[in-house]
Amino acid sequence: MMSKTMKAVRLHAFGGPEVLVYEDAPKPEPKPGEVLIRVHAVGVNPPDWYLRDGYRMLPPEWQPQVSFPVIVGTDVSGVVETVADDVRTFAAGDEVYAMIRFPAGLAGDSRAYAQYVTAPAMEVGRKPAGIDHVHAAAAPMSLLTAWQFLIDLGHDEPNPLQPHQHQPVPLDGKTVLVNGAAGGVGHLALQLAKWRGARVIAVASGRHEALLRGFGADEVIDYTRTKAEDVVRGVDLVVDAVGGPSSARFLATLKRGGALFPIFPLGLDAAAEAEDRGVTISATQVRSNGTQLTEIAGLLDDGSIHVAIDSIFPLADARQAHERAATGHLQGKIVLTAVG
């Protein structure tokens, strides 16, 4: 008889990493339009600790209402266990990866830190055959973020961050500065910009230089020694993968007609200065998109894009994974393994 329970990492209260509890939870069943995935690996992302912490970094009016207990996480790679009767795009045994119900599931409806998870079939992509589940699980949120900022937005939903829709800009022959270039989004934005023909200046700690050069960075600025805004001028695009209020300092590096894309734009108040300088500030909210994941899989398959792994923990040790994240200075992504 099939078990009706599984292991999962759940919250019963908000707090630090210590509130992550590895325990038995009900095994989900797919609803119409969904697939059930046996999870092999889980990617760890900032929204995971934002949820764990009660979204205290968001304005009160943006904080979703969370009902406990809740399973954390959005990103998985695994194997389809079963599908709803109306699903024709996937079948049992298919290897898949996904960012599940984001941002719709901000209140804890994504439920990825588990041995099994359901996902809308339209949000699921075919896993790249050339990489393992660990690397595939590390990709979805970070790679979709970089892709939707730089290559193709992929939807026409209203932009909650600004009155106009975000638009990627041409990259071929342009100079792009990527701040936070060794992090989850940053190292993928760097590679996508190179893939599209840009010259890339990477800003990160000097200890990451070899990695970033390997990913194609034309220049690496060690921010612990040099402030990029003091030495860089005339770039076409800045992708600030760190974001926040301090993104404004990069306006000085841009040429007129250039653009600043802060991945995390909350707290940034620089519209007047940007207008004076003749540059654009634009951001978007990453959204689940299985079609894009399937398209991007080809780049992961053929080695055009590589996902860097900072560290790997068993699902049962999610607490330690969040403690690692809290120390900062990540080189790529943290991943949890649920199988093997």
Protein backbone atom coordinates (compact mmCIF):
# COMPACT_ATOMS: atom_id res chain seq x y z
CA MET A 1 0.00 0.00 0.00
CA MET A 2 1.32 3.42 -0.92
CA SER A 3 2.24 5.57 2.04
CA LYS A 4 0.06 8.63 2.59
CA THR A 5 2.86 10.47 4.39
CA MET A 6 6.28 11.82 3.44
CA LYS A 7 9.13 13.70 5.02
CA ALA A 8 9.10 17.47 4.65
CA VAL A 9 10.60 20.59 6.20
CA ARG A 10 7.84 22.65 7.80
CA LEU A 11 7.36 25.82 9.81
CA HIS A 12 5.09 26.01 12.83
CA ALA A 13 6.18 29.57 13.64
CA PHE A 14 8.33 32.30 12.14
CA GLY A 15 11.93 32.74 13.23
CA GLY A 16 15.53 31.81 12.51
CA PRO A 17 16.83 28.57 10.98
CA GLU A 18 15.93 26.73 14.19
CA VAL A 19 12.19 26.87 13.29
CA LEU A 20 12.71 24.59 10.27
CA VAL A 21 11.38 21.19 11.36
CA TYR A 22 12.03 17.96 9.43
CA GLU A 23 9.00 15.79 10.08
CA ASP A 24 6.20 13.67 8.65
CA ALA A 25 3.64 15.48 6.52
CA PRO A 26 0.72 14.41 4.32
CA LYS A 27 1.77 13.31 0.85
CA PRO A 28 0.03 15.57 -1.70
CA GLU A 29 -2.16 14.44 -4.58
CA PRO A 30 -2.26 16.24 -7.92
CA LYS A 31 -5.29 18.39 -8.66
CA PRO A 32 -6.53 18.96 -12.22
CA GLY A 33 -3.74 20.40 -14.35
CA GLU A 34 -1.02 19.23 -11.97
CA VAL A 35 1.74 16.64 -11.76
CA LEU A 36 3.10 14.90 -8.67
CA ILE A 37 6.90 15.02 -8.54
CA ARG A 38 9.12 12.72 -6.52
CA VAL A 39 11.70 15.26 -5.44
CA HIS A 40 15.38 14.43 -5.87
CA ALA A 41 16.83 17.84 -5.04
CA VAL A 42 15.65 21.26 -3.87
CA GLY A 43 17.17 24.65 -4.66
CA VAL A 44 17.48 27.11 -1.77
CA ASN A 45 16.53 30.72 -2.53
CA PRO A 46 16.10 34.02 -0.66
CA PRO A 47 12.27 33.77 -0.62
CA ASP A 48 12.72 30.62 1.48
CA TRP A 49 14.24 32.55 4.36
CA TYR A 50 11.94 35.51 3.76
CA LEU A 51 8.99 33.15 4.38
CA ARG A 52 10.72 31.53 7.35
CA ASP A 53 11.24 34.99 8.84
CA GLY A 54 7.65 36.11 8.23
CA TYR A 55 8.51 38.44 5.32
CA ARG A 56 9.68 41.12 7.72
CA MET A 57 11.71 42.68 4.88
CA LEU A 58 8.50 43.54 3.00
CA PRO A 59 6.22 46.51 3.73
CA PRO A 60 3.38 45.37 6.05
CA GLU A 61 0.80 45.73 3.28
CA TRP A 62 2.79 43.31 1.10
CA GLN A 63 3.26 40.63 3.76
CA PRO A 64 1.18 37.54 2.86
CA GLN A 65 -0.95 35.82 5.48
CA VAL A 66 0.59 32.45 6.32
CA SER A 67 -1.31 29.52 7.87
CA PHE A 68 0.84 27.04 9.82
CA PRO A 69 2.17 24.46 9.39
CA VAL A 70 3.72 25.36 6.05
CA ILE A 71 6.31 23.66 3.85
CA VAL A 72 9.08 25.99 2.64
CA GLY A 73 10.63 26.25 -0.81
CA THR A 74 9.92 26.72 -4.53
CA ASP A 75 12.60 24.99 -6.66
CA VAL A 76 12.84 21.26 -7.36
CA SER A 77 14.26 18.69 -9.71
CA GLY A 78 12.86 15.20 -9.73
CA VAL A 79 10.80 12.56 -11.51
CA VAL A 80 7.10 12.67 -12.29
CA GLU A 81 5.31 10.13 -10.09
CA THR A 82 1.84 10.59 -11.52
CA VAL A 83 -0.25 13.17 -13.37
CA ALA A 84 -3.82 14.41 -13.17
CA ASP A 85 -6.23 12.92 -15.70
CA ASP A 86 -6.25 16.09 -17.80
CA VAL A 87 -2.46 16.42 -18.13
CA ARG A 88 -1.07 15.32 -21.50
CA THR A 89 2.32 17.08 -21.52
CA PHE A 90 4.02 14.85 -18.94
CA ALA A 91 3.90 11.21 -17.91
CA ALA A 92 5.13 9.11 -15.02
CA GLY A 93 8.89 8.69 -15.22
CA ASP A 94 9.65 12.03 -16.90
CA GLU A 95 12.57 13.94 -15.38
CA VAL A 96 11.53 17.52 -14.69
CA TYR A 97 12.52 20.71 -12.89
CA ALA A 98 10.41 23.64 -11.78
CA MET A 99 9.93 26.82 -9.80
CA ILE A 100 6.54 26.07 -8.28
CA ARG A 101 3.71 28.58 -7.86
CA PHE A 102 5.82 31.72 -7.68
CA PRO A 103 4.93 34.40 -6.79
CA ALA A 104 1.40 33.03 -6.31
CA GLY A 105 2.65 30.72 -3.55
CA LEU A 106 4.40 33.35 -1.42
CA ALA A 107 2.28 32.38 1.57
CA GLY A 108 3.73 28.88 1.56
CA ASP A 109 1.82 27.21 -1.27
CA SER A 110 4.91 26.16 -3.25
CA ARG A 111 5.90 23.41 -0.75
CA ALA A 112 9.20 22.29 -2.29
CA TYR A 113 11.18 21.17 0.81
CA ALA A 114 9.63 17.72 0.71
CA GLN A 115 9.98 14.23 -0.73
CA TYR A 116 6.95 14.85 -2.96
CA VAL A 117 5.38 18.02 -4.35
CA THR A 118 2.58 18.84 -6.76
CA ALA A 119 3.07 21.47 -9.44
CA PRO A 120 0.94 22.95 -12.22
CA ALA A 121 2.06 21.22 -15.41
CA MET A 122 2.46 24.58 -17.15
CA GLU A 123 5.10 25.58 -14.59
CA VAL A 124 7.19 22.42 -15.09
CA GLY A 125 10.08 22.13 -17.54
CA ARG A 126 11.87 19.12 -18.97
CA LYS A 127 15.01 18.60 -16.89
CA PRO A 128 18.24 19.13 -18.87
CA ALA A 129 19.54 15.65 -19.63
CA GLY A 130 23.17 16.73 -19.43
CA ILE A 131 23.16 17.75 -15.74
CA ASP A 132 22.23 15.99 -12.53
CA HIS A 133 19.28 16.75 -10.26
CA VAL A 134 21.42 18.83 -7.89
CA HIS A 135 22.41 21.28 -10.63
CA ALA A 136 18.92 21.25 -12.14
CA ALA A 137 17.31 22.07 -8.78
CA ALA A 138 19.72 24.96 -8.33
CA ALA A 139 18.62 26.60 -11.57
CA PRO A 140 14.91 27.53 -11.73
CA MET A 141 14.43 30.71 -9.68
CA SER A 142 17.86 32.19 -10.29
CA LEU A 143 17.96 31.33 -13.98
CA LEU A 144 14.37 32.40 -14.64
CA THR A 145 15.12 35.68 -12.86
CA ALA A 146 18.16 36.34 -15.04
CA TRP A 147 16.29 35.21 -18.17
CA GLN A 148 13.20 37.35 -17.54
CA PHE A 149 15.30 40.42 -16.71
CA LEU A 150 17.74 40.03 -19.62
CA ILE A 151 16.28 37.86 -22.39
CA ASP A 152 12.50 37.42 -22.40
CA LEU A 153 9.92 38.53 -19.84
CA GLY A 154 7.64 35.71 -20.92
CA HIS A 155 4.34 37.08 -19.59
CA ASP A 156 2.06 40.11 -19.65
CA GLU A 157 1.07 40.25 -15.99
CA PRO A 158 0.94 43.76 -14.46
CA ASN A 159 4.23 44.81 -12.88
CA PRO A 160 3.77 45.24 -9.11
CA LEU A 161 7.10 47.05 -8.81
CA GLN A 162 6.57 49.91 -11.28
CA PRO A 163 3.84 51.40 -13.49
CA HIS A 164 5.35 50.18 -16.76
CA GLN A 165 6.25 46.67 -17.87
CA HIS A 166 9.89 45.65 -17.71
CA GLN A 167 11.65 45.28 -21.06
CA PRO A 168 14.99 43.53 -21.63
CA VAL A 169 17.51 45.55 -23.66
CA PRO A 170 19.79 44.51 -26.56
CA LEU A 171 23.05 43.01 -25.29
CA ASP A 172 25.09 42.21 -28.39
CA GLY A 173 28.16 44.44 -28.47
CA LYS A 174 27.15 46.21 -25.25
CA THR A 175 29.05 46.53 -21.97
CA VAL A 176 27.23 45.06 -18.97
CA LEU A 177 28.26 45.38 -15.33
CA VAL A 178 26.97 42.63 -13.01
CA ASN A 179 27.12 43.35 -9.29
CA GLY A 180 26.98 40.33 -6.99
CA ALA A 181 28.32 38.30 -9.90
CA ALA A 182 29.23 35.21 -7.87
CA GLY A 183 25.77 34.78 -6.33
CA GLY A 184 22.83 32.73 -7.53
CA VAL A 185 21.35 35.23 -9.99
CA GLY A 186 24.58 37.10 -10.66
CA HIS A 187 26.66 34.23 -12.05
CA LEU A 188 23.82 33.28 -14.40
CA ALA A 189 23.19 36.87 -15.52
CA LEU A 190 26.90 37.12 -16.34
CA GLN A 191 26.72 34.01 -18.51
CA LEU A 192 23.52 35.03 -20.29
CA ALA A 193 24.99 38.43 -21.11
CA LYS A 194 28.10 36.76 -22.57
CA TRP A 195 25.91 34.30 -24.50
CA ARG A 196 24.13 37.29 -26.04
CA GLY A 197 27.40 38.92 -27.08
CA ALA A 198 28.07 41.46 -24.32
CA ARG A 199 31.32 42.49 -22.71
CA VAL A 200 30.86 41.83 -18.99
CA ILE A 201 32.40 43.50 -15.96
CA ALA A 202 31.84 41.33 -12.88
CA VAL A 203 31.81 42.84 -9.39
CA ALA A 204 32.38 40.39 -6.55
CA SER A 205 34.83 39.43 -3.85
CA GLY A 206 38.28 38.78 -5.29
CA ARG A 207 38.23 35.18 -4.11
CA HIS A 208 35.64 34.46 -6.83
CA GLU A 209 37.76 35.81 -9.70
CA ALA A 210 38.80 32.45 -11.15
CA LEU A 211 35.20 31.23 -11.20
CA LEU A 212 33.95 34.41 -12.85
CA ARG A 213 36.73 34.43 -15.45
CA GLY A 214 35.78 30.84 -16.20
CA PHE A 215 32.22 31.97 -16.83
CA GLY A 216 33.47 34.54 -19.32
CA ALA A 217 33.87 37.75 -17.31
CA ASP A 218 36.06 40.18 -19.27
CA GLU A 219 36.95 42.16 -16.15
CA VAL A 220 36.56 41.41 -12.45
CA ILE A 221 36.40 44.17 -9.84
CA ASP A 222 37.07 43.11 -6.25
CA TYR A 223 34.60 45.24 -4.31
CA THR A 224 36.59 44.71 -1.09
CA ARG A 225 39.41 46.74 -2.67
CA THR A 226 37.74 49.00 -5.23
CA LYS A 227 34.33 50.60 -5.54
CA ALA A 228 33.04 49.95 -9.04
CA GLU A 229 31.24 53.29 -9.10
CA ASP A 230 34.62 55.03 -8.61
CA VAL A 231 36.35 53.45 -11.60
CA VAL A 232 33.70 52.41 -14.14
CA ARG A 233 32.05 54.78 -16.60
CA GLY A 234 30.06 54.48 -19.83
CA VAL A 235 28.48 51.02 -19.45
CA ASP A 236 25.22 50.24 -21.22
CA LEU A 237 23.57 48.13 -18.52
CA VAL A 238 24.05 47.43 -14.83
CA VAL A 239 22.49 44.29 -13.41
CA ASP A 240 22.60 44.68 -9.64
CA ALA A 241 21.96 41.20 -8.26
CA VAL A 242 22.33 42.56 -4.71
CA GLY A 243 19.86 45.41 -5.10
CA GLY A 244 18.24 47.54 -2.43
CA PRO A 245 18.78 51.24 -1.76
CA SER A 246 22.50 51.03 -2.56
CA SER A 247 21.77 50.28 -6.25
CA ALA A 248 21.66 54.04 -6.81
CA ARG A 249 25.44 54.23 -6.63
CA PHE A 250 25.68 52.45 -10.00
CA LEU A 251 23.90 55.24 -11.85
CA ALA A 252 27.25 57.01 -12.16
CA THR A 253 28.67 54.07 -14.15
CA LEU A 254 26.05 54.29 -16.92
CA LYS A 255 26.15 56.19 -20.18
CA ARG A 256 23.14 58.28 -21.21
CA GLY A 257 20.54 55.95 -22.61
CA GLY A 258 21.77 53.12 -20.37
CA ALA A 259 19.74 51.08 -17.90
CA LEU A 260 19.95 49.87 -14.31
CA PHE A 261 18.20 46.57 -13.53
CA PRO A 262 18.07 46.05 -9.74
CA ILE A 263 17.08 42.43 -9.04
CA PHE A 264 15.80 43.47 -5.60
CA PRO A 265 14.48 47.02 -6.07
CA LEU A 266 12.76 47.56 -2.73
CA GLY A 267 14.05 50.67 -1.00
CA LEU A 268 15.64 52.13 -4.13
CA ASP A 269 14.60 55.76 -4.57
CA ALA A 270 16.60 57.17 -7.45
CA ALA A 271 14.07 58.09 -10.14
CA ALA A 272 15.00 61.77 -10.13
CA GLU A 273 18.73 61.12 -10.42
CA ALA A 274 18.14 58.54 -13.16
CA GLU A 275 16.10 61.07 -15.14
CA ASP A 276 18.82 63.70 -14.75
CA ARG A 277 21.40 61.24 -16.04
CA GLY A 278 19.20 60.08 -18.91
CA VAL A 279 19.11 56.45 -17.81
CA THR A 280 16.33 53.97 -17.09
CA ILE A 281 15.67 51.97 -13.90
CA SER A 282 13.55 48.87 -14.42
CA ALA A 283 12.75 45.69 -12.52
CA THR A 284 10.33 42.79 -12.65
CA GLN A 285 8.98 40.01 -10.47
CA VAL A 286 10.16 36.59 -11.57
CA ARG A 287 7.29 34.24 -12.43
CA SER A 288 7.00 30.48 -12.86
CA ASN A 289 7.27 29.44 -16.51
CA GLY A 290 7.69 25.84 -17.62
CA THR A 291 8.03 26.77 -21.29
CA GLN A 292 11.02 28.98 -20.53
CA LEU A 293 12.61 26.28 -18.36
CA THR A 294 12.29 23.78 -21.19
CA GLU A 295 13.84 26.30 -23.61
CA ILE A 296 16.70 27.13 -21.25
CA ALA A 297 17.38 23.42 -20.70
CA GLY A 298 19.16 23.37 -24.04
CA LEU A 299 21.71 25.91 -22.79
CA LEU A 300 22.33 23.86 -19.65
CA ASP A 301 22.60 20.70 -21.75
CA ASP A 302 25.20 21.99 -24.17
CA GLY A 303 27.28 23.82 -21.56
CA SER A 304 26.44 27.35 -22.72
CA ILE A 305 25.28 28.01 -19.16
CA HIS A 306 26.67 26.41 -16.00
CA VAL A 307 25.11 26.47 -12.54
CA ALA A 308 27.61 26.85 -9.71
CA ILE A 309 26.97 24.92 -6.49
CA ASP A 310 28.03 26.54 -3.25
CA SER A 311 27.11 23.65 -0.95
CA ILE A 312 24.86 20.59 -0.64
CA PHE A 313 22.90 19.43 2.42
CA PRO A 314 20.45 16.57 3.02
CA LEU A 315 16.82 17.71 3.21
CA ALA A 316 16.87 16.82 6.90
CA ASP A 317 19.61 19.44 7.39
CA ALA A 318 17.69 22.38 5.91
CA ARG A 319 18.44 24.29 9.10
CA GLN A 320 22.18 24.10 8.41
CA ALA A 321 21.56 25.16 4.79
CA HIS A 322 19.81 28.31 5.99
CA GLU A 323 22.61 28.96 8.46
CA ARG A 324 25.07 28.73 5.55
CA ALA A 325 22.96 31.18 3.55
CA ALA A 326 22.95 33.62 6.46
CA THR A 327 26.76 33.82 6.43
CA GLY A 328 26.61 35.32 2.92
CA HIS A 329 29.37 35.39 0.27
CA LEU A 330 27.87 32.43 -1.56
CA GLN A 331 29.53 31.06 -4.69
CA GLY A 332 26.51 29.91 -6.61
CA LYS A 333 23.58 28.03 -5.08
CA ILE A 334 22.81 25.95 -2.00
CA VAL A 335 20.96 22.68 -2.70
CA LEU A 336 19.14 20.13 -0.54
CA THR A 337 19.09 16.47 -1.57
CA ALA A 338 15.90 14.51 -0.98
CA VAL A 339 16.90 11.24 -2.68
CA GLY A 340 20.18 9.34 -2.57
